[in-house]
Protein backbone atom coordinates (compact mmCIF):
# COMPACT_ATOMS: atom_id res chain seq x y z
CA UNK A 1 26.40 -146.50 45.89
CA UNK A 2 29.50 -145.05 43.93
CA UNK A 3 27.85 -144.46 40.61
CA UNK A 4 24.94 -143.09 39.65
CA UNK A 5 23.17 -141.55 35.49
CA UNK A 6 19.95 -140.52 35.33
CA UNK A 7 18.93 -140.97 32.23
CA UNK A 8 18.22 -137.30 29.45
CA UNK A 9 14.78 -136.09 29.84
CA UNK A 10 15.79 -133.90 26.34
CA UNK A 11 19.12 -135.06 24.28
CA UNK A 12 22.18 -133.48 24.25
CA UNK A 13 21.71 -130.80 20.82
CA UNK A 14 22.94 -131.51 18.00
CA UNK A 15 21.60 -128.95 15.75
CA UNK A 16 20.85 -125.21 17.12
CA UNK A 17 21.71 -122.90 19.66
CA UNK A 18 20.51 -120.40 22.21
CA UNK A 19 19.13 -117.63 20.06
CA UNK A 20 16.16 -120.30 18.94
CA UNK A 21 14.48 -120.24 22.55
CA UNK A 22 13.93 -116.39 22.09
CA UNK A 23 12.72 -116.44 18.02
CA UNK A 24 10.95 -119.51 18.55
CA UNK A 25 8.92 -118.49 21.19
CA UNK A 26 7.93 -114.99 19.42
CA UNK A 27 7.21 -116.92 16.36
CA UNK A 28 4.82 -119.75 17.87
CA UNK A 29 3.70 -116.86 20.74
CA UNK A 30 4.34 -113.74 19.97
CA UNK A 31 2.05 -112.23 22.55
CA UNK A 32 2.65 -114.69 25.50
CA UNK A 33 3.75 -112.04 28.36
CA UNK A 34 7.93 -113.68 28.64
CA UNK A 35 9.33 -110.52 30.99
CA UNK A 36 8.24 -107.61 33.11
CA UNK A 37 10.48 -104.42 33.29
CA UNK A 38 10.69 -102.13 36.68
CA UNK A 39 8.27 -98.91 35.35
CA UNK A 40 7.89 -96.42 38.66
CA UNK A 41 6.13 -98.40 41.09
CA UNK A 42 4.93 -101.16 38.87
CA UNK A 43 6.00 -102.88 35.91
CA UNK A 44 5.72 -103.14 32.28
CA UNK A 45 4.77 -106.53 30.89
CA UNK A 46 6.73 -106.76 27.49
CA UNK A 47 5.87 -110.08 24.96
CA UNK A 48 8.08 -112.78 23.59
CA UNK A 49 7.54 -110.21 20.11
CA UNK A 50 8.73 -107.31 21.92
CA UNK A 51 11.66 -108.81 23.76
CA UNK A 52 13.18 -110.53 20.14
CA UNK A 53 12.85 -106.71 18.40
CA UNK A 54 14.49 -105.32 21.68
CA UNK A 55 17.43 -108.60 20.83
CA UNK A 56 17.65 -108.52 18.03
CA UNK A 57 18.04 -104.44 17.09
CA UNK A 58 20.65 -104.22 19.83
CA UNK A 59 22.54 -107.15 18.45
CA UNK A 60 22.19 -105.09 15.16
CA UNK A 61 23.97 -102.20 17.00
CA UNK A 62 26.60 -104.76 18.14
CA UNK A 63 26.85 -105.73 14.23
CA UNK A 64 27.55 -101.79 13.56
CA UNK A 65 30.39 -101.88 15.82
CA UNK A 66 32.31 -104.04 14.08
CA UNK A 67 31.63 -106.77 16.61
CA UNK A 68 32.28 -110.22 14.68
CA UNK A 69 31.43 -113.73 15.08
CA UNK A 70 33.22 -115.38 17.78
CA UNK A 71 34.68 -111.77 19.70
CA UNK A 72 34.01 -111.52 23.15
CA UNK A 73 31.45 -109.20 24.36
CA UNK A 74 31.83 -108.49 28.47
CA UNK A 75 29.00 -107.37 30.90
CA UNK A 76 28.93 -105.36 33.79
CA UNK A 77 26.59 -104.93 35.79
CA UNK A 78 24.08 -106.39 38.44
CA UNK A 79 21.03 -108.13 37.40
CA UNK A 80 18.44 -105.80 34.94
CA UNK A 81 16.16 -106.56 31.67
CA UNK A 82 18.78 -104.62 29.82
CA UNK A 83 21.87 -107.75 31.03
CA UNK A 84 19.20 -110.50 30.04
CA UNK A 85 18.73 -108.68 26.26
CA UNK A 86 22.40 -107.97 25.98
CA UNK A 87 23.07 -111.82 26.93
CA UNK A 88 21.15 -112.57 23.99
CA UNK A 89 22.01 -110.13 21.59
CA UNK A 90 25.32 -110.42 21.81
CA UNK A 91 24.55 -114.59 20.68
CA UNK A 92 22.29 -112.95 17.89
CA UNK A 93 25.18 -111.58 16.74
CA UNK A 94 27.33 -114.83 17.20
CA UNK A 95 29.64 -113.06 20.15
CA UNK A 96 30.65 -114.56 23.08
CA UNK A 97 29.54 -113.58 25.82
CA UNK A 98 32.18 -112.62 29.11
CA UNK A 99 29.96 -111.41 32.67
CA UNK A 100 31.82 -109.58 35.11
CA UNK A 101 30.69 -108.68 38.69
CA UNK A 102 30.00 -105.19 39.00
CA UNK A 103 31.51 -105.62 42.49
CA UNK A 104 35.11 -106.50 40.28
CA UNK A 105 38.10 -104.56 41.19
CA UNK A 106 39.88 -102.34 38.71
CA UNK A 107 42.75 -105.42 39.12
CA UNK A 108 40.43 -108.04 38.62
CA UNK A 109 38.20 -106.08 35.74
CA UNK A 110 41.96 -105.83 33.50
CA UNK A 111 42.72 -109.33 33.69
CA UNK A 112 39.14 -110.15 32.54
CA UNK A 113 39.66 -108.31 29.71
CA UNK A 114 42.93 -109.08 29.16
CA UNK A 115 42.88 -113.08 29.29
CA UNK A 116 39.42 -112.90 27.32
CA UNK A 117 40.39 -110.37 24.74
CA UNK A 118 36.85 -108.74 24.96
CA UNK A 119 36.45 -106.57 22.01
CA UNK A 120 33.44 -104.14 23.46
CA UNK A 121 32.55 -103.72 27.30
CA UNK A 122 29.05 -102.91 28.74
CA UNK A 123 28.97 -101.02 32.24
CA UNK A 124 25.93 -100.69 34.45
CA UNK A 125 26.46 -96.61 35.45
CA UNK A 126 28.69 -93.62 34.79
CA UNK A 127 30.29 -94.24 38.47
CA UNK A 128 31.46 -98.41 36.40
CA UNK A 129 32.75 -96.42 33.48
CA UNK A 130 35.28 -94.15 35.75
CA UNK A 131 36.18 -97.53 37.45
CA UNK A 132 36.75 -99.58 34.26
CA UNK A 133 38.14 -96.42 32.21
CA UNK A 134 42.62 -96.72 33.45
CA UNK A 135 42.48 -100.35 32.73
CA UNK A 136 40.79 -100.58 29.16
CA UNK A 137 43.01 -102.12 27.03
CA UNK A 138 42.92 -101.31 23.30
CA UNK A 139 40.89 -104.30 22.17
CA UNK A 140 38.41 -103.16 24.25
CA UNK A 141 37.31 -100.58 21.50
CA UNK A 142 33.66 -100.07 22.82
CA UNK A 143 32.06 -99.25 25.78
CA UNK A 144 28.56 -98.46 26.48
CA UNK A 145 26.41 -97.59 29.21
CA UNK A 146 23.51 -99.22 30.44
CA UNK A 147 21.71 -96.06 32.53
CA UNK A 148 22.35 -94.10 29.09
CA UNK A 149 19.27 -95.95 27.91
CA UNK A 150 21.69 -98.22 25.86
CA UNK A 151 18.88 -100.19 23.84
CA UNK A 152 17.79 -97.10 22.11
CA UNK A 153 21.73 -95.73 21.39
CA UNK A 154 21.84 -99.10 20.04
CA UNK A 155 19.02 -99.63 17.82
CA UNK A 156 19.81 -95.95 16.16
CA UNK A 157 23.45 -97.53 16.07
CA UNK A 158 22.30 -100.64 14.35
CA UNK A 159 19.20 -99.17 12.10
CA UNK A 160 20.61 -99.51 8.55
CA UNK A 161 21.95 -103.87 9.81
CA UNK A 162 19.79 -106.21 7.93
CA UNK A 163 17.61 -109.03 9.39
CA UNK A 164 19.52 -111.25 6.93
CA UNK A 165 22.52 -110.21 8.57
CA UNK A 166 21.07 -111.39 11.59
CA UNK A 167 19.65 -114.45 10.82
CA UNK A 168 23.13 -115.29 8.86
CA UNK A 169 24.90 -115.22 11.83
CA UNK A 170 22.57 -117.39 14.00
CA UNK A 171 22.86 -120.11 11.72
CA UNK A 172 26.39 -119.97 11.71
CA UNK A 173 26.44 -121.19 15.58
CA UNK A 174 26.44 -124.97 16.59
CA UNK A 175 25.97 -126.40 19.79
CA UNK A 176 29.63 -126.88 19.40
CA UNK A 177 29.72 -122.72 19.73
CA UNK A 178 31.25 -121.43 22.20
CA UNK A 179 28.60 -119.09 24.05
CA UNK A 180 29.88 -117.81 26.88
CA UNK A 181 33.16 -117.27 29.17
CA UNK A 182 32.55 -117.04 32.77
CA UNK A 183 35.39 -115.69 34.78
CA UNK A 184 35.75 -118.05 38.68
CA UNK A 185 35.80 -115.94 41.30
CA UNK A 186 38.89 -116.69 42.16
CA UNK A 187 39.61 -118.20 45.87
CA UNK A 188 42.58 -119.65 44.77
CA UNK A 189 45.10 -117.60 42.63
CA UNK A 190 44.21 -115.78 39.38
CA UNK A 191 40.48 -116.18 38.04
CA UNK A 192 40.08 -118.77 35.15
CA UNK A 193 37.59 -118.24 32.14
CA UNK A 194 35.36 -121.61 31.65
CA UNK A 195 34.04 -121.91 28.29
CA UNK A 196 30.72 -123.32 28.44
CA UNK A 197 28.74 -123.65 24.74
CA UNK A 198 25.53 -123.49 23.82
CA UNK A 199 24.99 -127.31 23.82
CA UNK A 200 25.98 -126.93 27.82
CA UNK A 201 22.93 -124.63 28.60
CA UNK A 202 20.98 -126.44 25.65
CA UNK A 203 21.52 -129.72 27.50
CA UNK A 204 21.66 -127.84 31.23
CA UNK A 205 18.32 -125.77 31.16
CA UNK A 206 16.10 -128.09 28.78
CA UNK A 207 16.56 -130.75 31.11
CA UNK A 208 16.35 -129.04 34.46
CA UNK A 209 13.40 -127.41 32.70
CA UNK A 210 11.32 -130.81 32.51
CA UNK A 211 12.71 -132.11 35.12
CA UNK A 212 11.18 -129.29 37.23
CA UNK A 213 8.29 -128.58 34.99
CA UNK A 214 5.98 -128.04 38.57
CA UNK A 215 7.93 -124.49 38.52
CA UNK A 216 8.79 -123.46 34.84
CA UNK A 217 6.00 -125.12 33.19
CA UNK A 218 3.37 -123.91 35.84
CA UNK A 219 0.62 -122.01 34.27
CA UNK A 220 0.83 -118.39 35.25
CA UNK A 221 4.65 -119.25 37.04
CA UNK A 222 6.74 -115.97 37.27
CA UNK A 223 9.59 -116.08 38.86
CA UNK A 224 11.55 -112.88 39.93
CA UNK A 225 15.59 -112.90 39.77
CA UNK A 226 17.86 -110.87 41.93
CA UNK A 227 21.08 -113.49 42.21
CA UNK A 228 23.62 -112.27 40.39
CA UNK A 229 23.12 -113.12 36.15
CA UNK A 230 27.07 -112.93 36.10
CA UNK A 231 26.95 -115.88 38.53
CA UNK A 232 25.94 -119.07 36.06
CA UNK A 233 23.20 -119.97 39.13
CA UNK A 234 21.52 -116.73 37.87
CA UNK A 235 22.25 -116.94 34.72
CA UNK A 236 20.40 -120.77 33.69
CA UNK A 237 17.84 -119.65 35.46
CA UNK A 238 17.81 -116.64 33.14
CA UNK A 239 17.92 -118.86 30.52
CA UNK A 240 15.88 -121.58 31.84
CA UNK A 241 13.32 -119.20 31.88
CA UNK A 242 12.72 -118.23 28.71
CA UNK A 243 13.43 -121.85 27.29
CA UNK A 244 9.88 -122.39 29.20
CA UNK A 245 8.15 -119.18 28.69
CA UNK A 246 8.42 -118.43 32.28
CA UNK A 247 7.27 -114.53 33.38
CA UNK A 248 10.64 -113.08 34.62
CA UNK A 249 11.31 -110.46 36.37
CA UNK A 250 14.57 -108.73 37.29
CA UNK A 251 15.57 -107.09 41.16
CA UNK A 252 19.18 -105.40 41.00
CA UNK A 253 18.69 -103.88 44.35
CA UNK A 254 17.83 -107.19 46.02
CA UNK A 255 19.44 -104.88 50.15
CA UNK A 256 16.89 -102.36 49.32
CA UNK A 257 14.00 -103.35 46.91
CA UNK A 258 13.50 -107.12 47.01
CA UNK A 259 10.96 -107.23 49.63
CA UNK A 260 9.18 -104.37 47.72
CA UNK A 261 9.84 -105.91 43.87
CA UNK A 262 8.53 -109.80 45.97
CA UNK A 263 5.18 -108.23 46.89
CA UNK A 264 4.62 -106.00 43.89
CA UNK A 265 5.62 -108.95 41.18
CA UNK A 266 4.34 -112.37 43.40
CA UNK A 267 6.44 -114.18 41.67
CA UNK A 268 5.64 -118.42 42.20
CA UNK A 269 9.49 -119.24 42.77
CA UNK A 270 12.09 -117.85 43.27
CA UNK A 271 16.11 -118.78 42.96
CA UNK A 272 18.35 -118.15 46.04
CA UNK A 273 21.61 -118.47 47.78
CA UNK A 274 21.05 -119.88 51.61
CA UNK A 275 21.76 -116.86 52.86
CA UNK A 276 19.30 -114.98 51.74
CA UNK A 277 16.62 -118.25 53.67
CA UNK A 278 18.79 -117.41 56.38
CA UNK A 279 18.10 -113.84 56.49
CA UNK A 280 14.30 -114.25 55.87
CA UNK A 281 14.17 -116.71 58.96
CA UNK A 282 16.29 -114.74 61.50
CA UNK A 283 14.02 -111.20 60.32
CA UNK A 284 11.31 -112.90 60.88
CA UNK A 285 12.34 -114.22 64.53
CA UNK A 286 13.83 -110.90 65.78
CA UNK A 287 10.55 -109.72 65.13
CA UNK A 288 8.48 -111.87 67.06
CA UNK A 289 10.93 -111.83 69.73
CA UNK A 290 10.58 -107.84 69.38
CA UNK A 291 6.99 -107.94 69.66
CA UNK A 292 7.23 -110.36 72.80
CA UNK A 293 5.90 -112.92 70.38
CA UNK A 294 9.45 -115.20 70.17
CA UNK A 295 7.72 -118.43 72.32
CA UNK A 296 5.76 -118.45 69.55
CA UNK A 297 7.82 -118.03 67.23
CA UNK A 298 10.28 -120.89 68.14
CA UNK A 299 7.59 -123.43 68.78
CA UNK A 300 5.72 -122.38 65.11
CA UNK A 301 9.34 -123.12 64.36
CA UNK A 302 9.57 -126.81 65.94
CA UNK A 303 6.06 -127.84 64.25
CA UNK A 304 7.08 -126.61 60.71
CA UNK A 305 10.05 -129.03 61.30
CA UNK A 306 8.47 -131.71 62.90
CA UNK A 307 5.76 -131.76 59.82
CA UNK A 308 7.98 -131.55 57.32
CA UNK A 309 9.66 -134.65 59.39
CA UNK A 310 6.81 -136.63 59.40
CA UNK A 311 6.20 -136.18 55.65
CA UNK A 312 9.26 -137.98 55.16
CA UNK A 313 8.95 -140.23 57.05
CA UNK A 314 4.69 -140.56 56.11
CA UNK A 315 3.38 -140.57 59.40
CA UNK A 316 0.53 -138.30 60.42
CA UNK A 317 -0.25 -137.04 63.83
CA UNK A 318 -3.87 -135.04 64.24
CA UNK A 319 -2.30 -133.25 67.08
CA UNK A 320 0.48 -131.92 65.21
CA UNK A 321 -1.67 -130.60 62.36
CA UNK A 322 -4.04 -129.33 64.42
CA UNK A 323 -0.87 -127.06 65.84
CA UNK A 324 1.14 -126.61 61.88
CA UNK A 325 -2.70 -125.21 61.02
CA UNK A 326 -2.97 -122.54 63.99
CA UNK A 327 0.82 -121.71 63.68
CA UNK A 328 -0.30 -121.30 59.38
CA UNK A 329 -2.54 -118.43 60.23
CA UNK A 330 0.00 -116.91 63.43
CA UNK A 331 3.22 -117.44 61.34
CA UNK A 332 3.74 -119.37 58.51
CA UNK A 333 1.40 -117.38 56.00
CA UNK A 334 3.37 -114.16 57.27
CA UNK A 335 7.02 -115.48 56.14
CA UNK A 336 4.66 -116.82 52.35
CA UNK A 337 3.43 -112.89 52.13
CA UNK A 338 7.69 -111.36 52.91
CA UNK A 339 8.01 -113.55 49.83
CA UNK A 340 5.44 -111.64 47.36
CA UNK A 341 1.98 -114.70 48.88
CA UNK A 342 2.55 -116.26 45.68
CA UNK A 343 5.96 -118.64 46.06
CA UNK A 344 5.46 -121.81 46.67
CA UNK A 345 8.80 -123.69 45.86
CA UNK A 346 12.52 -122.31 45.37
CA UNK A 347 15.65 -123.20 44.69
CA UNK A 348 18.82 -123.08 45.94
CA UNK A 349 22.26 -122.81 45.18
CA UNK A 350 26.07 -121.36 45.52
CA UNK A 351 26.60 -123.26 49.51
CA UNK A 352 24.78 -125.65 51.90
CA UNK A 353 21.43 -125.17 52.96
CA UNK A 354 21.54 -127.55 55.76
CA UNK A 355 18.57 -130.30 56.89
CA UNK A 356 16.95 -127.71 59.52
CA UNK A 357 16.13 -124.29 57.36
CA UNK A 358 14.97 -127.08 54.62
CA UNK A 359 12.52 -128.74 57.14
CA UNK A 360 11.32 -125.81 58.52
CA UNK A 361 10.33 -123.36 54.90
CA UNK A 362 8.81 -126.98 53.94
CA UNK A 363 6.47 -126.85 56.90
CA UNK A 364 5.72 -123.05 56.65
CA UNK A 365 4.46 -124.26 52.92
CA UNK A 366 7.59 -123.49 50.44
CA UNK A 367 9.40 -126.06 49.40
CA UNK A 368 13.22 -125.56 49.14
CA UNK A 369 14.80 -127.71 46.21
CA UNK A 370 18.50 -127.71 46.70
CA UNK A 371 21.11 -128.51 44.35
CA UNK A 372 24.43 -128.84 43.43
CA UNK A 373 26.81 -128.24 40.55
CA UNK A 374 29.82 -125.61 39.34
CA UNK A 375 30.40 -123.06 36.73
CA UNK A 376 31.93 -125.74 34.90
CA UNK A 377 28.59 -127.62 35.46
CA UNK A 378 26.95 -125.20 34.12
CA UNK A 379 25.21 -124.58 37.28
CA UNK A 380 23.28 -127.82 38.28
CA UNK A 381 24.56 -131.49 38.00
CA UNK A 382 22.20 -132.83 40.50
CA UNK A 383 18.88 -131.04 42.04
CA UNK A 384 15.80 -131.92 44.53
CA UNK A 385 12.38 -131.94 42.57
CA UNK A 386 8.97 -132.20 44.48
CA UNK A 387 8.47 -135.63 42.85
CA UNK A 388 12.29 -136.48 44.56
CA UNK A 389 13.02 -135.17 47.27
CA UNK A 390 15.90 -135.81 50.36
CA UNK A 391 15.86 -132.94 52.62
CA UNK A 392 19.55 -132.67 53.57
CA UNK A 393 20.61 -133.40 50.34
CA UNK A 394 21.81 -131.50 47.14
CA UNK A 395 19.60 -134.01 45.05
CA UNK A 396 20.08 -136.79 42.37
CA UNK A 397 22.03 -136.04 38.80
CA UNK A 398 19.63 -133.85 36.47
CA UNK A 399 18.78 -135.50 33.84
CA UNK A 400 21.51 -136.59 31.50
CA UNK A 401 24.67 -136.19 33.93
CA UNK A 402 26.46 -138.61 35.69
CA UNK A 403 28.11 -138.69 39.20
CA UNK A 404 30.82 -140.53 40.38
CA UNK A 405 32.64 -140.68 44.03
CA UNK A 406 36.35 -141.59 43.58
CA UNK A 407 37.70 -143.61 46.15
CA UNK A 408 39.19 -140.30 47.93
CA UNK A 409 35.16 -139.36 48.08
CA UNK A 410 35.86 -136.64 45.67
CA UNK A 411 32.77 -135.98 43.05
CA UNK A 412 33.47 -137.09 40.05
CA UNK A 413 30.73 -135.54 37.15
CA UNK A 414 30.14 -136.22 33.46
CA UNK A 415 27.48 -135.84 31.22
CA UNK A 416 26.60 -132.63 28.12
CA UNK A 417 27.24 -129.87 31.17
CA UNK A 418 30.08 -130.52 31.60
CA UNK A 419 32.46 -127.61 30.14
CA UNK A 420 34.70 -127.86 27.48
CA UNK A 421 37.63 -126.54 29.30
CA UNK A 422 39.36 -123.37 31.07
CA UNK A 423 40.21 -120.87 28.29
CA UNK A 424 43.63 -121.16 26.99
CA UNK A 425 44.66 -122.82 29.96
CA UNK A 426 45.52 -126.41 28.92
CA UNK A 427 47.86 -127.01 32.69
CA UNK A 428 44.81 -126.27 34.34
CA UNK A 429 42.43 -128.76 32.50
CA UNK A 430 44.63 -131.49 32.90
CA UNK A 431 44.04 -131.08 36.76
CA UNK A 432 40.57 -131.13 36.81
CA UNK A 433 39.57 -133.90 33.74
CA UNK A 434 40.18 -137.32 34.52
CA UNK A 435 38.98 -139.02 30.99
CA UNK A 436 35.76 -137.76 30.30
CA UNK A 437 34.53 -136.91 34.81
CA UNK A 438 35.39 -133.53 36.00
CA UNK A 439 36.67 -133.41 39.77
CA UNK A 440 34.83 -130.59 41.77
CA UNK A 441 36.77 -130.67 44.25
CA UNK A 442 34.36 -131.34 46.80
CA UNK A 443 33.69 -134.32 49.02
CA UNK A 444 30.50 -136.30 49.23
CA UNK A 445 28.51 -139.46 49.00
CA UNK A 446 25.71 -140.83 47.41
CA UNK A 447 23.10 -142.32 49.08
CA UNK A 448 20.89 -145.62 47.90
CA UNK A 449 18.51 -143.63 46.28
CA UNK A 450 21.48 -141.76 44.79
CA UNK A 451 20.75 -139.01 46.63
CA UNK A 452 24.21 -136.82 46.94
CA UNK A 453 25.21 -135.35 50.31
CA UNK A 454 27.97 -133.30 49.73
CA UNK A 455 30.75 -133.59 53.19
CA UNK A 456 33.08 -130.65 52.45
CA UNK A 457 35.64 -129.25 49.84
CA UNK A 458 38.69 -131.95 49.22
CA UNK A 459 41.13 -128.67 49.44
CA UNK A 460 39.65 -127.36 52.63
CA UNK A 461 40.08 -129.89 54.73
CA UNK A 462 41.68 -128.98 57.43
CA UNK A 463 44.39 -131.20 58.56
CA UNK A 464 45.63 -130.54 62.40
CA UNK A 465 48.33 -131.52 64.19
CA UNK A 466 47.42 -134.92 65.41
CA UNK A 467 46.72 -135.84 62.30
CA UNK A 468 42.76 -135.49 62.13
CA UNK A 469 40.93 -134.63 58.77
CA UNK A 470 38.01 -132.23 59.80
CA UNK A 471 35.51 -130.39 56.95
CA UNK A 472 34.97 -126.75 57.95
CA UNK A 473 31.78 -127.27 56.21
CA UNK A 474 29.80 -128.56 58.93
CA UNK A 475 30.62 -126.51 61.45
CA UNK A 476 30.56 -123.26 59.60
CA UNK A 477 27.11 -124.50 57.95
CA UNK A 478 26.41 -125.06 61.48
CA UNK A 479 27.22 -121.42 63.14
CA UNK A 480 25.62 -119.94 60.72
CA UNK A 481 22.31 -120.46 61.34
CA UNK A 482 22.24 -118.56 64.75
CA UNK A 483 20.80 -115.14 64.35
CA UNK A 484 23.60 -113.33 64.81
CA UNK A 485 26.77 -115.01 63.49
CA UNK A 486 27.03 -113.61 59.63
CA UNK A 487 30.12 -115.25 58.96
CA UNK A 488 32.36 -117.24 59.58
CA UNK A 489 35.59 -119.33 58.99
CA UNK A 490 37.30 -122.45 60.43
CA UNK A 491 41.02 -122.57 61.21
CA UNK A 492 43.64 -124.87 62.87
CA UNK A 493 45.76 -126.12 59.72
CA UNK A 494 48.89 -127.95 61.11
CA UNK A 495 47.48 -126.89 65.10
CA UNK A 496 46.74 -128.92 68.24
CA UNK A 497 42.90 -127.83 67.85
CA UNK A 498 39.81 -126.60 65.76
CA UNK A 499 39.37 -122.51 66.68
CA UNK A 500 36.87 -120.62 64.29
CA UNK A 501 37.10 -116.93 63.53
CA UNK A 502 33.19 -115.29 63.89
CA UNK A 503 31.74 -112.18 62.36
CA UNK A 504 28.48 -111.00 63.90
CA UNK A 505 25.68 -110.08 61.71
CA UNK A 506 25.46 -106.28 61.50
CA UNK A 507 21.67 -105.99 61.34
CA UNK A 508 20.40 -108.58 63.93
CA UNK A 509 23.06 -106.95 66.31
CA UNK A 510 21.06 -104.24 66.81
CA UNK A 511 17.98 -106.00 68.36
CA UNK A 512 20.22 -108.12 70.86
CA UNK A 513 21.75 -104.24 72.03
CA UNK A 514 18.84 -103.19 72.85
CA UNK A 515 17.81 -105.88 74.59
CA UNK A 516 20.73 -106.34 76.30
CA UNK A 517 21.17 -102.78 77.46
CA UNK A 518 23.82 -101.71 75.48
CA UNK A 519 23.15 -98.53 74.08
CA UNK A 520 25.62 -97.17 71.70
CA UNK A 521 27.57 -100.23 71.73
CA UNK A 522 28.88 -101.04 68.34
CA UNK A 523 30.28 -104.72 67.33
CA UNK A 524 33.99 -103.54 67.65
CA UNK A 525 33.35 -102.29 70.81
CA UNK A 526 31.70 -105.69 71.60
CA UNK A 527 34.35 -107.92 70.55
CA UNK A 528 35.31 -108.63 74.03
CA UNK A 529 31.86 -108.17 75.82
CA UNK A 530 31.19 -111.80 77.88
CA UNK A 531 27.37 -111.14 77.69
CA UNK A 532 28.34 -111.57 73.53
CA UNK A 533 30.67 -113.46 74.03
CA UNK A 534 28.41 -116.61 76.25
CA UNK A 535 25.66 -115.97 73.20
CA UNK A 536 27.90 -116.84 70.67
CA UNK A 537 29.53 -119.84 72.85
CA UNK A 538 26.15 -121.22 72.52
CA UNK A 539 26.55 -121.23 68.25
CA UNK A 540 29.48 -122.68 69.11
CA UNK A 541 28.41 -125.93 71.86
CA UNK A 542 25.70 -126.56 69.16
CA UNK A 543 27.87 -126.52 66.07
CA UNK A 544 30.20 -129.06 67.83
CA UNK A 545 27.64 -131.11 68.63
CA UNK A 546 27.55 -132.54 64.96
CA UNK A 547 31.00 -133.46 65.11
CA UNK A 548 33.92 -135.92 67.19
CA UNK A 549 35.58 -133.41 70.29
CA UNK A 550 38.43 -134.04 68.06
CA UNK A 551 36.68 -132.09 65.54
CA UNK A 552 35.45 -129.37 67.45
CA UNK A 553 35.98 -125.57 67.52
CA UNK A 554 38.18 -125.15 71.27
CA UNK A 555 38.27 -121.25 70.76
CA UNK A 556 36.67 -118.31 69.03
CA UNK A 557 37.38 -114.61 68.37
CA UNK A 558 34.97 -112.92 67.28
CA UNK A 559 35.35 -109.86 64.98
CA UNK A 560 35.03 -106.05 64.97
CA UNK A 561 33.82 -106.00 60.97
CA UNK A 562 31.87 -108.21 59.25
CA UNK A 563 33.20 -110.23 55.64
CA UNK A 564 32.45 -108.45 52.59
CA UNK A 565 32.95 -108.61 48.66
CA UNK A 566 34.23 -104.50 49.28
CA UNK A 567 36.76 -105.64 51.86
CA UNK A 568 38.02 -108.95 49.52
CA UNK A 569 36.71 -111.48 51.99
CA UNK A 570 33.73 -112.89 50.12
CA UNK A 571 33.07 -113.36 46.37
CA UNK A 572 30.70 -111.90 44.45
CA UNK A 573 28.37 -115.15 45.38
CA UNK A 574 29.18 -114.87 49.22
CA UNK A 575 31.57 -117.78 49.50
CA UNK A 576 34.82 -116.93 51.80
CA UNK A 577 38.20 -116.70 50.63
CA UNK A 578 39.65 -118.63 52.69
CA UNK A 579 43.16 -116.95 51.80
CA UNK A 580 42.66 -113.68 52.28
CA UNK A 581 40.69 -114.30 55.50
CA UNK A 582 43.78 -116.29 56.96
CA UNK A 583 46.42 -113.29 55.34
CA UNK A 584 44.41 -110.11 56.90
CA UNK A 585 43.59 -112.18 59.93
CA UNK A 586 46.75 -113.57 60.79
CA UNK A 587 47.79 -112.30 64.25
CA UNK A 588 43.95 -113.26 65.46
CA UNK A 589 44.57 -116.47 64.23
CA UNK A 590 48.37 -116.74 66.08
CA UNK A 591 46.44 -115.28 69.22
CA UNK A 592 43.74 -118.05 69.68
CA UNK A 593 46.72 -120.53 69.37
CA UNK A 594 48.88 -118.89 71.91
CA UNK A 595 46.76 -116.79 74.62
CA UNK A 596 46.73 -119.37 77.75
C-alpha cells in the first residue's frame, strides 16, 4: 500500500473559530468543571463559565493595551493555567499567538520577536523578563509577567472594554484566519514560523477527539498536561481537551512535581514523549533492583510483553494469564499507581516509542497510543486508537487526512491539518510542498492494513564510505532502551563504519555506582571505566541485532556530560540537534575513526 485516506468524522470547518470552543461550552454547560488550577497542595476547580470569564477579562486587557486584530502576541512560559487562558484570550481579541519556549536563549527570542513582529510578550517570571529585556525590539510595546498576577492586571486594565467589542472581534475570525505562528525547534538553520489557522486546529482536534472518543469523551475523564504547551503536541491536547469538555489541569514542573500532581489530580489519560515512559520503566526496574527484586521485575516485564503480544495474536494461554494476574498485584499496579492510579491510556508522540515499551505498558494495563506528526501538520497526522491499534506503528491517518509514500520512501501528508505555509519564507514553502502534499522529511512505509511505520529521517540518513545507507533512528531507539543510556547519536557519514556517542542517565548511574562499589565516582571519571564500557557494550550489542553487519555500531564513546536543552544539544522537545553535537564533539568523533 502506497497511499491511504481516512474519511473525516468532523468535516473541515467553513465557519467559526477556536473561540467558540470556550464560549459555547460556557453557554451550554456553564457549571461543568473543565479546568483545575493549583491551590496549595491541591486543586481549585473551575467551571466553564469561570474559565470564559477569565478569558474574556484577559482579552479586554489586551485590547486596552492596543492589541489589534491580526497582531502577534508572544507567550514565553512553562505549561500552566495562565498559558491556556492567555492563548484563548489572544484569540478573543483577534490576535495571533506566538509560543516561545521558556528555555529559549536571548538570541532565539530576538529572532522570534523580530521575525513575527510581536507587539506584546508574556513571560512567566521576573528572571525571564530580565533575560529578554536586552533583545526586546521597539515593536514589542508591552511585556507582562505571569507570576505578578497577570490575569488580575489585565482584568483591571480592560474593565472599560465592552463585551460587544469582544464579540465583534470574535466574529471577524474565520477558519482561514491565522491562529498561531509556531517556530520550529531549529535542528537545522534558523527557526521557521509555521502558520497554523483556526481551521487547522478545528480539523485536527475535532477528528482526534472523535477518533479517540474513549479518551477525550470518557465520562469523568481528565488529563494532566505537563508537556510544553509551546509545542504543537501539547497545544493540540490543550485545545482537544477544551473542545471535548475534558477536565484538564497543568503541571509546569515535571521534574519536581509530576509524581505529586499525578497522585493528587489522578488523570484518566496523559500525553508524553517516549523518554517519560522510558524513565518510568527504568525507575521501576532500578527500585526493584535496589530492593533485591530485580529478577521479579524482569520476569514481570517478560510476562507483560508476552501477554500484550498474545492479545494481538488472539491467543489465550491460561498459564500466562495466571502469571499476569500475579504480577499485576506485585508490579503492574504499582506502575499504574505511580501515574496516579486512574490512567488507562496515554498518547505518545515526538519520537519513536518502540514495540518493547508499547507491549510492556499495554500488558501492565496502560495502553499507549503512539502517533506521528509535525508542527506543520498541527501535531498528529496519524494515531493509533484503542479500536485500531498496531504496536510498533504510529497508527493510521487521523480522520480527514491522507498519507502517501513517495517513490523514495518519504512520507507525504495531505488534508486540512496541513499548515498554510512558513511565515514570510517562500523559498522554504517551495521546498516542502508538492502540489497538495506536504513533504515530511521522514521515511516510512504503510502496511496492508494502512498503519504507518516510520523508518528514518530522510536528511539524517548516514551514507558510509562504502555507500551503505543507514537510518540512525533504529539504532538510537534501541540504545536508549537501556536503563543507563540517556541520549545517543549515531555517526559515520563518509566513514568506513558506524559509531556512536552515548551519554549516561545521571539518575540511573547512582544505583550502578553503589552496586559496583565505585563510591565517589562520577560519569566524567567513568567514561573509560572497563565495567561501564562492558555494560554499554551489551546495549550496543542489543541495538545491533536490529540491523545488518554493515549498519552495526563498531565503536562508541561515552561522554562525560549528558545532552541538555541548556547545553544546546537538545531541542525543547528533547530531539538531538545533530549538527550541534557533531560540532561540539568533533574531536571525539575524529578519535573514534583514528584510534586503533
